[in-house]
Amino acid sequence: MLEVAAVMSAKVLERFPAGAPRGSWPAEEYAARRRAEGEPAVVVMDLKSDTFLVVVPGLDED
């Protein structure tokens, strides 16, 4: 599970509405394609906008 700080500094790659047809997972499919290309993409839910976000977690620059 990602830490909140990592998600907050994440780069959003794509947004998908939460109302996809039953059995359709467009955000997960998009993230899987990005992971296959070597990008550590994950899906998170933005409750405020009712969308799924495909993000790449930010890196700590400490």
Protein backbone atom coordinates (compact mmCIF):
# COMPACT_ATOMS: atom_id res chain seq x y z
CA MET A 1 0.00 0.00 0.00
CA LEU A 2 1.26 3.47 -0.87
CA GLU A 3 1.84 6.06 1.80
CA VAL A 4 -0.31 9.18 1.60
CA ALA A 5 2.74 11.40 1.06
CA ALA A 6 3.82 9.31 -1.94
CA VAL A 7 0.39 9.56 -3.54
CA MET A 8 0.18 13.30 -2.91
CA SER A 9 3.40 13.91 -4.82
CA ALA A 10 2.45 11.50 -7.60
CA LYS A 11 2.32 12.40 -11.28
CA VAL A 12 -1.15 11.80 -12.76
CA LEU A 13 -0.90 9.99 -16.08
CA GLU A 14 -4.60 9.61 -16.87
CA ARG A 15 -8.10 10.04 -15.36
CA PHE A 16 -11.06 7.69 -15.80
CA PRO A 17 -14.66 8.22 -14.64
CA ALA A 18 -15.78 5.84 -11.92
CA GLY A 19 -18.95 4.90 -13.82
CA ALA A 20 -17.44 2.40 -16.26
CA PRO A 21 -19.73 -0.39 -17.49
CA ARG A 22 -19.89 -3.52 -15.34
CA GLY A 23 -16.88 -5.76 -15.93
CA SER A 24 -14.88 -2.91 -17.49
CA TRP A 25 -11.74 -1.72 -15.69
CA PRO A 26 -10.22 0.93 -18.03
CA ALA A 27 -8.00 2.50 -15.35
CA GLU A 28 -6.57 -0.88 -14.30
CA GLU A 29 -6.03 -1.88 -17.94
CA TYR A 30 -4.25 1.40 -18.70
CA ALA A 31 -2.05 1.04 -15.60
CA ALA A 32 -1.19 -2.55 -16.57
CA ARG A 33 -0.07 -1.38 -20.02
CA ARG A 34 2.11 1.31 -18.44
CA ARG A 35 3.63 -1.23 -16.01
CA ALA A 36 4.38 -3.53 -18.96
CA GLU A 37 6.35 -0.61 -20.43
CA GLY A 38 8.36 -0.32 -17.19
CA GLU A 39 6.51 2.56 -15.52
CA PRO A 40 5.41 1.91 -11.89
CA ALA A 41 1.81 3.02 -12.51
CA VAL A 42 -0.88 2.45 -9.89
CA VAL A 43 -4.58 3.27 -9.69
CA VAL A 44 -5.99 5.44 -6.91
CA MET A 45 -9.51 6.75 -6.36
CA ASP A 46 -10.19 10.48 -6.14
CA LEU A 47 -13.38 10.48 -4.09
CA LYS A 48 -13.95 14.22 -4.48
CA SER A 49 -14.17 14.04 -8.28
CA ASP A 50 -15.43 10.41 -8.44
CA THR A 51 -12.61 9.40 -10.79
CA PHE A 52 -9.89 6.81 -10.88
CA LEU A 53 -6.41 8.26 -11.37
CA VAL A 54 -3.52 6.35 -12.88
CA VAL A 55 -0.44 7.74 -11.17
CA VAL A 56 3.28 7.23 -10.90
CA PRO A 57 4.36 7.71 -7.26
CA GLY A 58 6.73 10.61 -6.68
CA LEU A 59 10.28 9.99 -5.58
CA ASP A 60 11.64 11.40 -2.34
CA GLU A 61 14.32 13.98 -3.06
CA ASP A 62 15.61 14.31 0.50
